[in-house]
Amino acid sequence: SFAQLTEHPAGWNLIFKPKVGEDSSAKGIVKTVKEWRAANGKPGFKKA
């Protein structure tokens, strides 16, 4: 699932219940996840 793949603590809420003022577009969500993973010492995503 999305939550397991990203490991972000907000999980599905990034998509369905974004915080006020957050960029909830697809690009914004990917940016949020990438920044969170980097800040928490997790690897980034592999290029396709």
PDB file of N, CA and C in Angstrom:
ATOM      1  N   SER A   1       0.832  -1.181   0.000  1.00  0.00           N
ATOM      2  CA  SER A   1       0.000   0.000   0.000  1.00  0.00           C
ATOM      3  C   SER A   1       0.883   1.253   0.000  1.00  0.00           C
ATOM      4  N   PHE A   2       0.279   2.371  -0.241  1.00  0.00           N
ATOM      5  CA  PHE A   2       0.989   3.650  -0.273  1.00  0.00           C
ATOM      6  C   PHE A   2       1.716   3.909   1.046  1.00  0.00           C
ATOM      7  N   ALA A   3       1.035   3.678   2.147  1.00  0.00           N
ATOM      8  CA  ALA A   3       1.625   3.926   3.466  1.00  0.00           C
ATOM      9  C   ALA A   3       2.849   3.048   3.701  1.00  0.00           C
ATOM     10  N   GLN A   4       2.780   1.794   3.310  1.00  0.00           N
ATOM     11  CA  GLN A   4       3.916   0.886   3.484  1.00  0.00           C
ATOM     12  C   GLN A   4       5.063   1.263   2.553  1.00  0.00           C
ATOM     13  N   LEU A   5       4.743   1.645   1.346  1.00  0.00           N
ATOM     14  CA  LEU A   5       5.763   2.004   0.360  1.00  0.00           C
ATOM     15  C   LEU A   5       6.534   3.254   0.780  1.00  0.00           C
ATOM     16  N   THR A   6       5.820   4.275   1.210  1.00  0.00           N
ATOM     17  CA  THR A   6       6.473   5.543   1.546  1.00  0.00           C
ATOM     18  C   THR A   6       7.047   5.559   2.956  1.00  0.00           C
ATOM     19  N   GLU A   7       6.450   4.809   3.868  1.00  0.00           N
ATOM     20  CA  GLU A   7       6.804   4.780   5.290  1.00  0.00           C
ATOM     21  C   GLU A   7       6.544   6.118   5.975  1.00  0.00           C
ATOM     22  N   HIS A   8       5.898   7.055   5.300  1.00  0.00           N
ATOM     23  CA  HIS A   8       5.604   8.366   5.887  1.00  0.00           C
ATOM     24  C   HIS A   8       4.553   8.190   6.977  1.00  0.00           C
ATOM     25  N   PRO A   9       4.731   8.829   8.136  1.00  0.00           N
ATOM     26  CA  PRO A   9       3.788   8.634   9.240  1.00  0.00           C
ATOM     27  C   PRO A   9       2.358   9.076   8.929  1.00  0.00           C
ATOM     28  N   ALA A  10       2.172  10.005   8.008  1.00  0.00           N
ATOM     29  CA  ALA A  10       0.820  10.450   7.657  1.00  0.00           C
ATOM     30  C   ALA A  10       0.121   9.460   6.731  1.00  0.00           C
ATOM     31  N   GLY A  11       0.884   8.598   6.074  1.00  0.00           N
ATOM     32  CA  GLY A  11       0.303   7.572   5.204  1.00  0.00           C
ATOM     33  C   GLY A  11      -0.681   8.132   4.190  1.00  0.00           C
ATOM     34  N   TRP A  12      -1.851   7.511   4.137  1.00  0.00           N
ATOM     35  CA  TRP A  12      -2.890   7.901   3.171  1.00  0.00           C
ATOM     36  C   TRP A  12      -3.397   9.317   3.393  1.00  0.00           C
ATOM     37  N   ASN A  13      -3.220   9.853   4.596  1.00  0.00           N
ATOM     38  CA  ASN A  13      -3.691  11.212   4.867  1.00  0.00           C
ATOM     39  C   ASN A  13      -2.988  12.250   4.003  1.00  0.00           C
ATOM     40  N   LEU A  14      -1.799  11.948   3.517  1.00  0.00           N
ATOM     41  CA  LEU A  14      -1.133  12.868   2.592  1.00  0.00           C
ATOM     42  C   LEU A  14      -1.993  13.097   1.355  1.00  0.00           C
ATOM     43  N   ILE A  15      -2.739  12.070   0.966  1.00  0.00           N
ATOM     44  CA  ILE A  15      -3.575  12.152  -0.232  1.00  0.00           C
ATOM     45  C   ILE A  15      -4.992  12.607   0.110  1.00  0.00           C
ATOM     46  N   PHE A  16      -5.598  11.954   1.107  1.00  0.00           N
ATOM     47  CA  PHE A  16      -7.017  12.165   1.371  1.00  0.00           C
ATOM     48  C   PHE A  16      -7.335  13.229   2.413  1.00  0.00           C
ATOM     49  N   LYS A  17      -6.394  13.557   3.282  1.00  0.00           N
ATOM     50  CA  LYS A  17      -6.623  14.575   4.309  1.00  0.00           C
ATOM     51  C   LYS A  17      -5.378  15.450   4.467  1.00  0.00           C
ATOM     52  N   PRO A  18      -4.997  16.161   3.405  1.00  0.00           N
ATOM     53  CA  PRO A  18      -3.793  16.993   3.510  1.00  0.00           C
ATOM     54  C   PRO A  18      -4.006  18.130   4.512  1.00  0.00           C
ATOM     55  N   LYS A  19      -2.913  18.553   5.132  1.00  0.00           N
ATOM     56  CA  LYS A  19      -2.982  19.674   6.062  1.00  0.00           C
ATOM     57  C   LYS A  19      -3.280  20.945   5.282  1.00  0.00           C
ATOM     58  N   VAL A  20      -3.923  21.893   5.939  1.00  0.00           N
ATOM     59  CA  VAL A  20      -4.245  23.169   5.310  1.00  0.00           C
ATOM     60  C   VAL A  20      -2.953  23.836   4.849  1.00  0.00           C
ATOM     61  N   GLY A  21      -2.945  24.268   3.598  1.00  0.00           N
ATOM     62  CA  GLY A  21      -1.783  24.940   3.040  1.00  0.00           C
ATOM     63  C   GLY A  21      -0.761  24.019   2.393  1.00  0.00           C
ATOM     64  N   GLU A  22      -0.903  22.700   2.577  1.00  0.00           N
ATOM     65  CA  GLU A  22       0.019  21.754   1.942  1.00  0.00           C
ATOM     66  C   GLU A  22      -0.326  21.596   0.474  1.00  0.00           C
ATOM     67  N   ASP A  23       0.683  21.373  -0.339  1.00  0.00           N
ATOM     68  CA  ASP A  23       0.472  21.109  -1.760  1.00  0.00           C
ATOM     69  C   ASP A  23      -0.010  19.667  -1.887  1.00  0.00           C
ATOM     70  N   SER A  24      -1.275  19.483  -2.221  1.00  0.00           N
ATOM     71  CA  SER A  24      -1.844  18.135  -2.304  1.00  0.00           C
ATOM     72  C   SER A  24      -1.864  17.592  -3.731  1.00  0.00           C
ATOM     73  N   SER A  25      -1.139  18.266  -4.636  1.00  0.00           N
ATOM     74  CA  SER A  25      -1.023  17.743  -5.998  1.00  0.00           C
ATOM     75  C   SER A  25      -0.102  16.530  -5.966  1.00  0.00           C
ATOM     76  N   ALA A  26      -0.097  15.759  -7.029  1.00  0.00           N
ATOM     77  CA  ALA A  26       0.773  14.579  -7.096  1.00  0.00           C
ATOM     78  C   ALA A  26       2.236  14.980  -6.894  1.00  0.00           C
ATOM     79  N   LYS A  27       2.658  16.054  -7.540  1.00  0.00           N
ATOM     80  CA  LYS A  27       4.046  16.518  -7.395  1.00  0.00           C
ATOM     81  C   LYS A  27       4.328  16.966  -5.965  1.00  0.00           C
ATOM     82  N   GLY A  28       3.369  17.627  -5.354  1.00  0.00           N
ATOM     83  CA  GLY A  28       3.538  18.091  -3.984  1.00  0.00           C
ATOM     84  C   GLY A  28       3.658  16.943  -3.003  1.00  0.00           C
ATOM     85  N   ILE A  29       2.858  15.901  -3.194  1.00  0.00           N
ATOM     86  CA  ILE A  29       2.904  14.730  -2.317  1.00  0.00           C
ATOM     87  C   ILE A  29       4.240  14.011  -2.472  1.00  0.00           C
ATOM     88  N   VAL A  30       4.695  13.832  -3.704  1.00  0.00           N
ATOM     89  CA  VAL A  30       5.988  13.181  -3.942  1.00  0.00           C
ATOM     90  C   VAL A  30       7.104  14.004  -3.299  1.00  0.00           C
ATOM     91  N   LYS A  31       7.044  15.317  -3.429  1.00  0.00           N
ATOM     92  CA  LYS A  31       8.054  16.193  -2.823  1.00  0.00           C
ATOM     93  C   LYS A  31       8.053  16.030  -1.303  1.00  0.00           C
ATOM     94  N   THR A  32       6.877  16.016  -0.697  1.00  0.00           N
ATOM     95  CA  THR A  32       6.759  15.846   0.751  1.00  0.00           C
ATOM     96  C   THR A  32       7.365  14.528   1.194  1.00  0.00           C
ATOM     97  N   VAL A  33       7.051  13.452   0.480  1.00  0.00           N
ATOM     98  CA  VAL A  33       7.565  12.125   0.834  1.00  0.00           C
ATOM     99  C   VAL A  33       9.082  12.080   0.665  1.00  0.00           C
ATOM    100  N   LYS A  34       9.594  12.619  -0.445  1.00  0.00           N
ATOM    101  CA  LYS A  34      11.042  12.615  -0.681  1.00  0.00           C
ATOM    102  C   LYS A  34      11.774  13.392   0.412  1.00  0.00           C
ATOM    103  N   GLU A  35      11.252  14.557   0.767  1.00  0.00           N
ATOM    104  CA  GLU A  35      11.886  15.371   1.808  1.00  0.00           C
ATOM    105  C   GLU A  35      11.859  14.653   3.154  1.00  0.00           C
ATOM    106  N   TRP A  36      10.735  14.025   3.479  1.00  0.00           N
ATOM    107  CA  TRP A  36      10.621  13.308   4.748  1.00  0.00           C
ATOM    108  C   TRP A  36      11.591  12.134   4.792  1.00  0.00           C
ATOM    109  N   ARG A  37      11.666  11.372   3.695  1.00  0.00           N
ATOM    110  CA  ARG A  37      12.568  10.217   3.657  1.00  0.00           C
ATOM    111  C   ARG A  37      14.022  10.666   3.815  1.00  0.00           C
ATOM    112  N   ALA A  38      14.418  11.737   3.146  1.00  0.00           N
ATOM    113  CA  ALA A  38      15.788  12.240   3.254  1.00  0.00           C
ATOM    114  C   ALA A  38      16.081  12.705   4.682  1.00  0.00           C
ATOM    115  N   ALA A  39      15.140  13.402   5.301  1.00  0.00           N
ATOM    116  CA  ALA A  39      15.325  13.911   6.657  1.00  0.00           C
ATOM    117  C   ALA A  39      15.403  12.793   7.690  1.00  0.00           C
ATOM    118  N   ASN A  40      14.873  11.625   7.351  1.00  0.00           N
ATOM    119  CA  ASN A  40      14.847  10.500   8.280  1.00  0.00           C
ATOM    120  C   ASN A  40      15.828   9.396   7.905  1.00  0.00           C
ATOM    121  N   GLY A  41      16.796   9.731   7.038  1.00  0.00           N
ATOM    122  CA  GLY A  41      17.857   8.788   6.688  1.00  0.00           C
ATOM    123  C   GLY A  41      17.405   7.594   5.869  1.00  0.00           C
ATOM    124  N   LYS A  42      16.299   7.739   5.173  1.00  0.00           N
ATOM    125  CA  LYS A  42      15.785   6.648   4.345  1.00  0.00           C
ATOM    126  C   LYS A  42      16.212   6.887   2.901  1.00  0.00           C
ATOM    127  N   PRO A  43      16.410   5.821   2.128  1.00  0.00           N
ATOM    128  CA  PRO A  43      16.809   6.003   0.730  1.00  0.00           C
ATOM    129  C   PRO A  43      15.689   6.618  -0.101  1.00  0.00           C
ATOM    130  N   GLY A  44      16.085   7.233  -1.203  1.00  0.00           N
ATOM    131  CA  GLY A  44      15.108   7.805  -2.119  1.00  0.00           C
ATOM    132  C   GLY A  44      14.502   6.728  -2.996  1.00  0.00           C
ATOM    133  N   PHE A  45      13.736   7.140  -3.972  1.00  0.00           N
ATOM    134  CA  PHE A  45      13.095   6.201  -4.881  1.00  0.00           C
ATOM    135  C   PHE A  45      14.018   5.894  -6.049  1.00  0.00           C
ATOM    136  N   LYS A  46      13.942   4.694  -6.560  1.00  0.00           N
ATOM    137  CA  LYS A  46      14.722   4.311  -7.735  1.00  0.00           C
ATOM    138  C   LYS A  46      14.099   4.939  -8.970  1.00  0.00           C
ATOM    139  N   LYS A  47      14.942   5.305  -9.923  1.00  0.00           N
ATOM    140  CA  LYS A  47      14.430   5.831 -11.186  1.00  0.00           C
ATOM    141  C   LYS A  47      13.913   4.675 -12.017  1.00  0.00           C
ATOM    142  N   ALA A  48      12.838   4.919 -12.744  1.00  0.00           N
ATOM    143  CA  ALA A  48      12.218   3.868 -13.558  1.00  0.00           C
ATOM    144  C   ALA A  48      13.047   3.552 -14.772  1.00  0.00           C
TER     145      ALA A  48
END
